[in-house]
Amino acid sequence: MTRKLAMIHTTPVTIASMKELAAKTIPGVQTVNFLDDSILPQLIQNGGNVAEVEERLLAFAHFAEDVGADVILSVCSSVGEVVEKMRAAVSIPVVRIDEAMAETALARGERIGVVATLSTTMSPTLRLLRQKAEVLGKTCAFESVVADEAYRLLMQGDTESHDRIVAEKLADLGTRCDVIILAQASMARAVSRLPEAEQGRFLTSPELAMQRVKTVFEELGTR
């Protein structure tokens, strides 16, 4: 039986790369993509108030269930905190894009750097890290950097400059932190600009999230 993964996006930038990653990580998986590119501009304008976009995201979760998806992946970190309500609203598993990354970071170090290109992403990412650390009973120090100029360039189609700026911020944090996380899936390419021997300290959400999705599919297969 073909397994179906529904992915909910807030930018077209992530669609092709996430489809490719899904095909590579979970051979034979069928993907369905839902996109609402009005969400991030709205969050930028309202200071990251996800309550204003929550109903739309819940509607996408219902659409995913209606088209027969077995698992949902919420690809946008800025709206990650809506995932709990998605889980309550539908009968299929919902994976949060940055959850596995946060857990991995906490397992690897106590000085954790976070780089984002959107301020709307930074707050929920730090809240997630602190919540996970509290559950683990672990005391960590967090240092955060928002490279908003990089996001503007990305939206203009200048991926080269976006990746260069993000890589510079990552390298700087790398001098002070044990592990550094990239808070958005759209930033992942920038890690390839760093020295290969150092790249393992920089965590990106797409691969770790897709491995989590694969595990969920495997668990569903044993039921």
C-alpha atoms as a PDB file:
ATOM      1  CA  MET A   1       0.000   0.000   0.000  1.00  0.00           C
ATOM      2  CA  THR A   2       1.348   3.451  -0.963  1.00  0.00           C
ATOM      3  CA  ARG A   3       2.123   5.673   1.983  1.00  0.00           C
ATOM      4  CA  LYS A   4       0.992   9.292   1.710  1.00  0.00           C
ATOM      5  CA  LEU A   5       2.658  12.277   3.377  1.00  0.00           C
ATOM      6  CA  ALA A   6       0.977  15.681   3.419  1.00  0.00           C
ATOM      7  CA  MET A   7       3.231  18.689   3.908  1.00  0.00           C
ATOM      8  CA  ILE A   8       1.941  22.126   4.904  1.00  0.00           C
ATOM      9  CA  HIS A   9       4.121  25.006   3.658  1.00  0.00           C
ATOM     10  CA  THR A  10       4.058  28.756   4.206  1.00  0.00           C
ATOM     11  CA  THR A  11       6.559  29.527   1.428  1.00  0.00           C
ATOM     12  CA  PRO A  12       7.054  27.985  -2.030  1.00  0.00           C
ATOM     13  CA  VAL A  13      10.802  27.893  -1.332  1.00  0.00           C
ATOM     14  CA  THR A  14      10.527  24.658   0.663  1.00  0.00           C
ATOM     15  CA  ILE A  15       8.259  22.608  -1.611  1.00  0.00           C
ATOM     16  CA  ALA A  16      10.739  21.145  -4.119  1.00  0.00           C
ATOM     17  CA  SER A  17      13.487  20.416  -1.582  1.00  0.00           C
ATOM     18  CA  MET A  18      11.116  18.741   0.869  1.00  0.00           C
ATOM     19  CA  LYS A  19       9.546  16.603  -1.866  1.00  0.00           C
ATOM     20  CA  GLU A  20      13.018  15.493  -2.933  1.00  0.00           C
ATOM     21  CA  LEU A  21      14.017  14.751   0.660  1.00  0.00           C
ATOM     22  CA  ALA A  22      10.836  12.737   1.250  1.00  0.00           C
ATOM     23  CA  ALA A  23      11.477  10.624  -1.860  1.00  0.00           C
ATOM     24  CA  LYS A  24      15.074  10.002  -0.762  1.00  0.00           C
ATOM     25  CA  THR A  25      14.297   9.216   2.884  1.00  0.00           C
ATOM     26  CA  ILE A  26      11.053   7.261   2.419  1.00  0.00           C
ATOM     27  CA  PRO A  27      11.231   5.487  -0.956  1.00  0.00           C
ATOM     28  CA  GLY A  28       7.855   5.112  -2.618  1.00  0.00           C
ATOM     29  CA  VAL A  29       6.111   7.711  -0.468  1.00  0.00           C
ATOM     30  CA  GLN A  30       3.450   9.823  -2.154  1.00  0.00           C
ATOM     31  CA  THR A  31       3.550  13.504  -1.218  1.00  0.00           C
ATOM     32  CA  VAL A  32       0.772  16.084  -1.195  1.00  0.00           C
ATOM     33  CA  ASN A  33       1.673  19.733  -0.642  1.00  0.00           C
ATOM     34  CA  PHE A  34      -0.487  22.513   0.755  1.00  0.00           C
ATOM     35  CA  LEU A  35       0.801  26.089   0.453  1.00  0.00           C
ATOM     36  CA  ASP A  36      -0.425  29.340   1.946  1.00  0.00           C
ATOM     37  CA  ASP A  37       2.132  32.044   1.219  1.00  0.00           C
ATOM     38  CA  SER A  38       0.034  34.713   2.931  1.00  0.00           C
ATOM     39  CA  ILE A  39       0.835  33.369   6.400  1.00  0.00           C
ATOM     40  CA  LEU A  40       4.426  34.555   6.842  1.00  0.00           C
ATOM     41  CA  PRO A  41       3.751  38.128   5.637  1.00  0.00           C
ATOM     42  CA  GLN A  42       0.823  38.270   8.045  1.00  0.00           C
ATOM     43  CA  LEU A  43       2.970  37.039  10.937  1.00  0.00           C
ATOM     44  CA  ILE A  44       5.671  39.570  10.096  1.00  0.00           C
ATOM     45  CA  GLN A  45       3.050  42.333  10.240  1.00  0.00           C
ATOM     46  CA  ASN A  46       1.334  41.173  13.432  1.00  0.00           C
ATOM     47  CA  GLY A  47       4.461  40.406  15.440  1.00  0.00           C
ATOM     48  CA  GLY A  48       4.174  36.625  15.170  1.00  0.00           C
ATOM     49  CA  ASN A  49       0.627  36.222  16.500  1.00  0.00           C
ATOM     50  CA  VAL A  50      -0.171  32.715  15.233  1.00  0.00           C
ATOM     51  CA  ALA A  51      -3.719  32.922  16.604  1.00  0.00           C
ATOM     52  CA  GLU A  52      -4.612  34.948  13.506  1.00  0.00           C
ATOM     53  CA  VAL A  53      -3.583  32.123  11.135  1.00  0.00           C
ATOM     54  CA  GLU A  54      -4.445  29.136  13.306  1.00  0.00           C
ATOM     55  CA  GLU A  55      -7.808  28.342  11.678  1.00  0.00           C
ATOM     56  CA  ARG A  56      -6.240  28.207   8.229  1.00  0.00           C
ATOM     57  CA  LEU A  57      -3.585  25.779   9.401  1.00  0.00           C
ATOM     58  CA  LEU A  58      -6.168  23.577  11.079  1.00  0.00           C
ATOM     59  CA  ALA A  59      -8.142  23.625   7.828  1.00  0.00           C
ATOM     60  CA  PHE A  60      -5.069  22.383   5.941  1.00  0.00           C
ATOM     61  CA  ALA A  61      -4.708  19.575   8.477  1.00  0.00           C
ATOM     62  CA  HIS A  62      -8.306  18.555   7.791  1.00  0.00           C
ATOM     63  CA  PHE A  63      -7.690  18.789   4.034  1.00  0.00           C
ATOM     64  CA  ALA A  64      -4.674  16.501   4.456  1.00  0.00           C
ATOM     65  CA  GLU A  65      -6.797  13.961   6.287  1.00  0.00           C
ATOM     66  CA  ASP A  66      -9.526  14.265   3.634  1.00  0.00           C
ATOM     67  CA  VAL A  67      -7.107  13.415   0.795  1.00  0.00           C
ATOM     68  CA  GLY A  68      -6.019  10.270   2.606  1.00  0.00           C
ATOM     69  CA  ALA A  69      -2.685  11.324   4.080  1.00  0.00           C
ATOM     70  CA  ASP A  70      -1.213   8.930   6.626  1.00  0.00           C
ATOM     71  CA  VAL A  71       1.073  11.548   8.220  1.00  0.00           C
ATOM     72  CA  ILE A  72       1.251  15.358   8.168  1.00  0.00           C
ATOM     73  CA  LEU A  73       4.492  17.332   8.305  1.00  0.00           C
ATOM     74  CA  SER A  74       4.135  21.000   9.293  1.00  0.00           C
ATOM     75  CA  VAL A  75       7.108  22.514   7.469  1.00  0.00           C
ATOM     76  CA  CYS A  76       7.105  26.059   8.886  1.00  0.00           C
ATOM     77  CA  SER A  77       8.841  26.702  12.213  1.00  0.00           C
ATOM     78  CA  SER A  78       7.070  30.033  12.664  1.00  0.00           C
ATOM     79  CA  VAL A  79       3.768  28.185  13.136  1.00  0.00           C
ATOM     80  CA  GLY A  80       5.175  25.178  14.971  1.00  0.00           C
ATOM     81  CA  GLU A  81       3.150  25.889  18.088  1.00  0.00           C
ATOM     82  CA  VAL A  82      -0.081  25.206  16.182  1.00  0.00           C
ATOM     83  CA  VAL A  83       0.955  21.574  15.766  1.00  0.00           C
ATOM     84  CA  GLU A  84      -0.481  20.539  19.143  1.00  0.00           C
ATOM     85  CA  LYS A  85      -3.901  21.810  18.050  1.00  0.00           C
ATOM     86  CA  MET A  86      -3.512  20.047  14.702  1.00  0.00           C
ATOM     87  CA  ARG A  87      -2.827  16.808  16.558  1.00  0.00           C
ATOM     88  CA  ALA A  88      -6.020  17.274  18.544  1.00  0.00           C
ATOM     89  CA  ALA A  89      -8.027  18.143  15.428  1.00  0.00           C
ATOM     90  CA  VAL A  90      -7.181  15.159  13.200  1.00  0.00           C
ATOM     91  CA  SER A  91      -6.824  11.414  13.669  1.00  0.00           C
ATOM     92  CA  ILE A  92      -3.450  11.069  11.902  1.00  0.00           C
ATOM     93  CA  PRO A  93       0.036  11.866  13.256  1.00  0.00           C
ATOM     94  CA  VAL A  94       1.351  15.412  12.815  1.00  0.00           C
ATOM     95  CA  VAL A  95       5.116  16.024  12.864  1.00  0.00           C
ATOM     96  CA  ARG A  96       6.557  19.433  13.762  1.00  0.00           C
ATOM     97  CA  ILE A  97       9.487  20.375  11.499  1.00  0.00           C
ATOM     98  CA  ASP A  98      11.824  21.530  14.277  1.00  0.00           C
ATOM     99  CA  GLU A  99      11.011  19.146  17.118  1.00  0.00           C
ATOM    100  CA  ALA A 100      13.597  16.464  16.326  1.00  0.00           C
ATOM    101  CA  MET A 101      16.209  19.159  15.726  1.00  0.00           C
ATOM    102  CA  ALA A 102      15.563  20.730  19.132  1.00  0.00           C
ATOM    103  CA  GLU A 103      15.835  17.359  20.862  1.00  0.00           C
ATOM    104  CA  THR A 104      19.094  16.583  19.060  1.00  0.00           C
ATOM    105  CA  ALA A 105      20.595  19.954  19.964  1.00  0.00           C
ATOM    106  CA  LEU A 106      19.808  19.492  23.645  1.00  0.00           C
ATOM    107  CA  ALA A 107      21.377  16.040  23.599  1.00  0.00           C
ATOM    108  CA  ARG A 108      24.595  17.385  22.109  1.00  0.00           C
ATOM    109  CA  GLY A 109      25.433  20.460  24.130  1.00  0.00           C
ATOM    110  CA  GLU A 110      24.635  23.040  26.776  1.00  0.00           C
ATOM    111  CA  ARG A 111      25.594  26.179  24.849  1.00  0.00           C
ATOM    112  CA  ILE A 112      23.171  26.305  21.962  1.00  0.00           C
ATOM    113  CA  GLY A 113      23.137  28.893  19.198  1.00  0.00           C
ATOM    114  CA  VAL A 114      20.048  29.628  17.107  1.00  0.00           C
ATOM    115  CA  VAL A 115      20.039  31.447  13.766  1.00  0.00           C
ATOM    116  CA  ALA A 116      16.852  32.529  12.004  1.00  0.00           C
ATOM    117  CA  THR A 117      16.092  34.872   9.131  1.00  0.00           C
ATOM    118  CA  LEU A 118      12.663  35.736  10.513  1.00  0.00           C
ATOM    119  CA  SER A 119      11.991  37.149  13.964  1.00  0.00           C
ATOM    120  CA  THR A 120       8.628  35.341  13.886  1.00  0.00           C
ATOM    121  CA  THR A 121      10.544  32.052  13.909  1.00  0.00           C
ATOM    122  CA  MET A 122      12.970  32.866  16.704  1.00  0.00           C
ATOM    123  CA  SER A 123      10.482  33.153  19.574  1.00  0.00           C
ATOM    124  CA  PRO A 124       8.688  29.805  19.017  1.00  0.00           C
ATOM    125  CA  THR A 125      12.039  28.080  18.424  1.00  0.00           C
ATOM    126  CA  LEU A 126      13.477  29.331  21.712  1.00  0.00           C
ATOM    127  CA  ARG A 127      10.255  28.428  23.541  1.00  0.00           C
ATOM    128  CA  LEU A 128      10.458  24.906  22.131  1.00  0.00           C
ATOM    129  CA  LEU A 129      14.087  24.529  23.225  1.00  0.00           C
ATOM    130  CA  ARG A 130      13.350  25.805  26.731  1.00  0.00           C
ATOM    131  CA  GLN A 131      10.309  23.556  27.103  1.00  0.00           C
ATOM    132  CA  LYS A 132      12.302  20.509  26.009  1.00  0.00           C
ATOM    133  CA  ALA A 133      15.192  21.450  28.313  1.00  0.00           C
ATOM    134  CA  GLU A 134      12.816  21.803  31.238  1.00  0.00           C
ATOM    135  CA  VAL A 135      11.351  18.351  30.595  1.00  0.00           C
ATOM    136  CA  LEU A 136      14.868  16.936  30.513  1.00  0.00           C
ATOM    137  CA  GLY A 137      15.891  18.849  33.628  1.00  0.00           C
ATOM    138  CA  LYS A 138      18.792  20.330  31.694  1.00  0.00           C
ATOM    139  CA  THR A 139      20.226  23.825  32.149  1.00  0.00           C
ATOM    140  CA  CYS A 140      21.288  25.390  28.845  1.00  0.00           C
ATOM    141  CA  ALA A 141      22.459  28.766  27.592  1.00  0.00           C
ATOM    142  CA  PHE A 142      20.944  30.017  24.347  1.00  0.00           C
ATOM    143  CA  GLU A 143      22.343  32.660  22.008  1.00  0.00           C
ATOM    144  CA  SER A 144      20.169  33.821  19.128  1.00  0.00           C
ATOM    145  CA  VAL A 145      20.763  35.808  15.940  1.00  0.00           C
ATOM    146  CA  VAL A 146      18.141  36.999  13.440  1.00  0.00           C
ATOM    147  CA  ALA A 147      19.523  37.633   9.938  1.00  0.00           C
ATOM    148  CA  ASP A 148      16.481  39.406   8.526  1.00  0.00           C
ATOM    149  CA  GLU A 149      18.406  40.819   5.557  1.00  0.00           C
ATOM    150  CA  ALA A 150      18.970  37.249   4.374  1.00  0.00           C
ATOM    151  CA  TYR A 151      15.229  36.564   4.269  1.00  0.00           C
ATOM    152  CA  ARG A 152      14.608  39.702   2.214  1.00  0.00           C
ATOM    153  CA  LEU A 153      17.229  38.586  -0.290  1.00  0.00           C
ATOM    154  CA  LEU A 154      15.757  35.099  -0.460  1.00  0.00           C
ATOM    155  CA  MET A 155      12.325  36.515  -1.279  1.00  0.00           C
ATOM    156  CA  GLN A 156      13.972  38.485  -4.079  1.00  0.00           C
ATOM    157  CA  GLY A 157      15.397  35.260  -5.480  1.00  0.00           C
ATOM    158  CA  ASP A 158      18.990  35.958  -4.425  1.00  0.00           C
ATOM    159  CA  THR A 159      19.744  32.595  -2.834  1.00  0.00           C
ATOM    160  CA  GLU A 160      23.505  33.119  -3.170  1.00  0.00           C
ATOM    161  CA  SER A 161      23.538  36.207  -0.947  1.00  0.00           C
ATOM    162  CA  HIS A 162      21.040  34.630   1.450  1.00  0.00           C
ATOM    163  CA  ASP A 163      23.249  31.586   1.943  1.00  0.00           C
ATOM    164  CA  ARG A 164      26.397  33.704   2.338  1.00  0.00           C
ATOM    165  CA  ILE A 165      24.870  35.863   5.076  1.00  0.00           C
ATOM    166  CA  VAL A 166      23.459  32.873   6.947  1.00  0.00           C
ATOM    167  CA  ALA A 167      26.805  31.035   6.735  1.00  0.00           C
ATOM    168  CA  GLU A 168      28.586  34.085   8.189  1.00  0.00           C
ATOM    169  CA  LYS A 169      26.190  34.195  11.153  1.00  0.00           C
ATOM    170  CA  LEU A 170      26.587  30.458  11.694  1.00  0.00           C
ATOM    171  CA  ALA A 171      30.379  30.639  11.632  1.00  0.00           C
ATOM    172  CA  ASP A 172      30.352  33.468  14.184  1.00  0.00           C
ATOM    173  CA  LEU A 173      28.076  31.564  16.586  1.00  0.00           C
ATOM    174  CA  GLY A 174      30.202  28.479  16.075  1.00  0.00           C
ATOM    175  CA  THR A 175      33.062  30.179  17.913  1.00  0.00           C
ATOM    176  CA  ARG A 176      30.982  30.392  21.103  1.00  0.00           C
ATOM    177  CA  CYS A 177      28.458  27.522  21.058  1.00  0.00           C
ATOM    178  CA  ASP A 178      28.596  23.734  21.277  1.00  0.00           C
ATOM    179  CA  VAL A 179      25.861  23.231  18.715  1.00  0.00           C
ATOM    180  CA  ILE A 180      24.013  25.644  16.434  1.00  0.00           C
ATOM    181  CA  ILE A 181      20.572  25.160  14.950  1.00  0.00           C
ATOM    182  CA  LEU A 182      19.133  26.720  11.809  1.00  0.00           C
ATOM    183  CA  ALA A 183      15.607  27.674  12.757  1.00  0.00           C
ATOM    184  CA  GLN A 184      14.073  27.492   9.269  1.00  0.00           C
ATOM    185  CA  ALA A 185      14.049  24.752   6.643  1.00  0.00           C
ATOM    186  CA  SER A 186      14.789  27.359   3.960  1.00  0.00           C
ATOM    187  CA  MET A 187      18.213  28.017   5.535  1.00  0.00           C
ATOM    188  CA  ALA A 188      19.570  24.480   5.312  1.00  0.00           C
ATOM    189  CA  ARG A 189      21.686  24.965   2.163  1.00  0.00           C
ATOM    190  CA  ALA A 190      23.949  27.446   3.931  1.00  0.00           C
ATOM    191  CA  VAL A 191      25.629  24.713   6.000  1.00  0.00           C
ATOM    192  CA  SER A 192      27.438  23.458   2.886  1.00  0.00           C
ATOM    193  CA  ARG A 193      29.436  26.723   2.881  1.00  0.00           C
ATOM    194  CA  LEU A 194      31.037  25.873   6.217  1.00  0.00           C
ATOM    195  CA  PRO A 195      34.194  23.749   6.648  1.00  0.00           C
ATOM    196  CA  GLU A 196      33.234  20.108   6.208  1.00  0.00           C
ATOM    197  CA  ALA A 197      34.868  19.086   9.482  1.00  0.00           C
ATOM    198  CA  GLU A 198      32.647  21.564  11.343  1.00  0.00           C
ATOM    199  CA  GLN A 199      29.320  20.891   9.628  1.00  0.00           C
ATOM    200  CA  GLY A 200      28.192  18.270  12.145  1.00  0.00           C
ATOM    201  CA  ARG A 201      27.761  20.999  14.790  1.00  0.00           C
ATOM    202  CA  PHE A 202      25.156  22.811  12.692  1.00  0.00           C
ATOM    203  CA  LEU A 203      21.722  21.211  12.787  1.00  0.00           C
ATOM    204  CA  THR A 204      19.055  21.699  10.137  1.00  0.00           C
ATOM    205  CA  SER A 205      15.453  20.660  10.509  1.00  0.00           C
ATOM    206  CA  PRO A 206      14.561  19.017   7.156  1.00  0.00           C
ATOM    207  CA  GLU A 207      16.629  15.815   7.424  1.00  0.00           C
ATOM    208  CA  LEU A 208      15.940  15.270  11.114  1.00  0.00           C
ATOM    209  CA  ALA A 209      12.214  15.922  10.643  1.00  0.00           C
ATOM    210  CA  MET A 210      11.987  13.573   7.679  1.00  0.00           C
ATOM    211  CA  GLN A 211      13.730  10.844   9.664  1.00  0.00           C
ATOM    212  CA  ARG A 212      11.074  11.399  12.345  1.00  0.00           C
ATOM    213  CA  VAL A 213       8.369  11.086   9.662  1.00  0.00           C
ATOM    214  CA  LYS A 214       9.965   7.843   8.480  1.00  0.00           C
ATOM    215  CA  THR A 215       9.880   6.491  12.030  1.00  0.00           C
ATOM    216  CA  VAL A 216       6.201   7.425  12.333  1.00  0.00           C
ATOM    217  CA  PHE A 217       5.417   5.588   9.091  1.00  0.00           C
ATOM    218  CA  GLU A 218       7.284   2.524  10.387  1.00  0.00           C
ATOM    219  CA  GLU A 219       5.318   2.637  13.626  1.00  0.00           C
ATOM    220  CA  LEU A 220       2.052   2.881  11.708  1.00  0.00           C
ATOM    221  CA  GLY A 221       3.085  -0.150   9.677  1.00  0.00           C
ATOM    222  CA  THR A 222       3.357  -2.279  12.824  1.00  0.00           C
ATOM    223  CA  ARG A 223      -0.157  -1.505  14.030  1.00  0.00           C
END
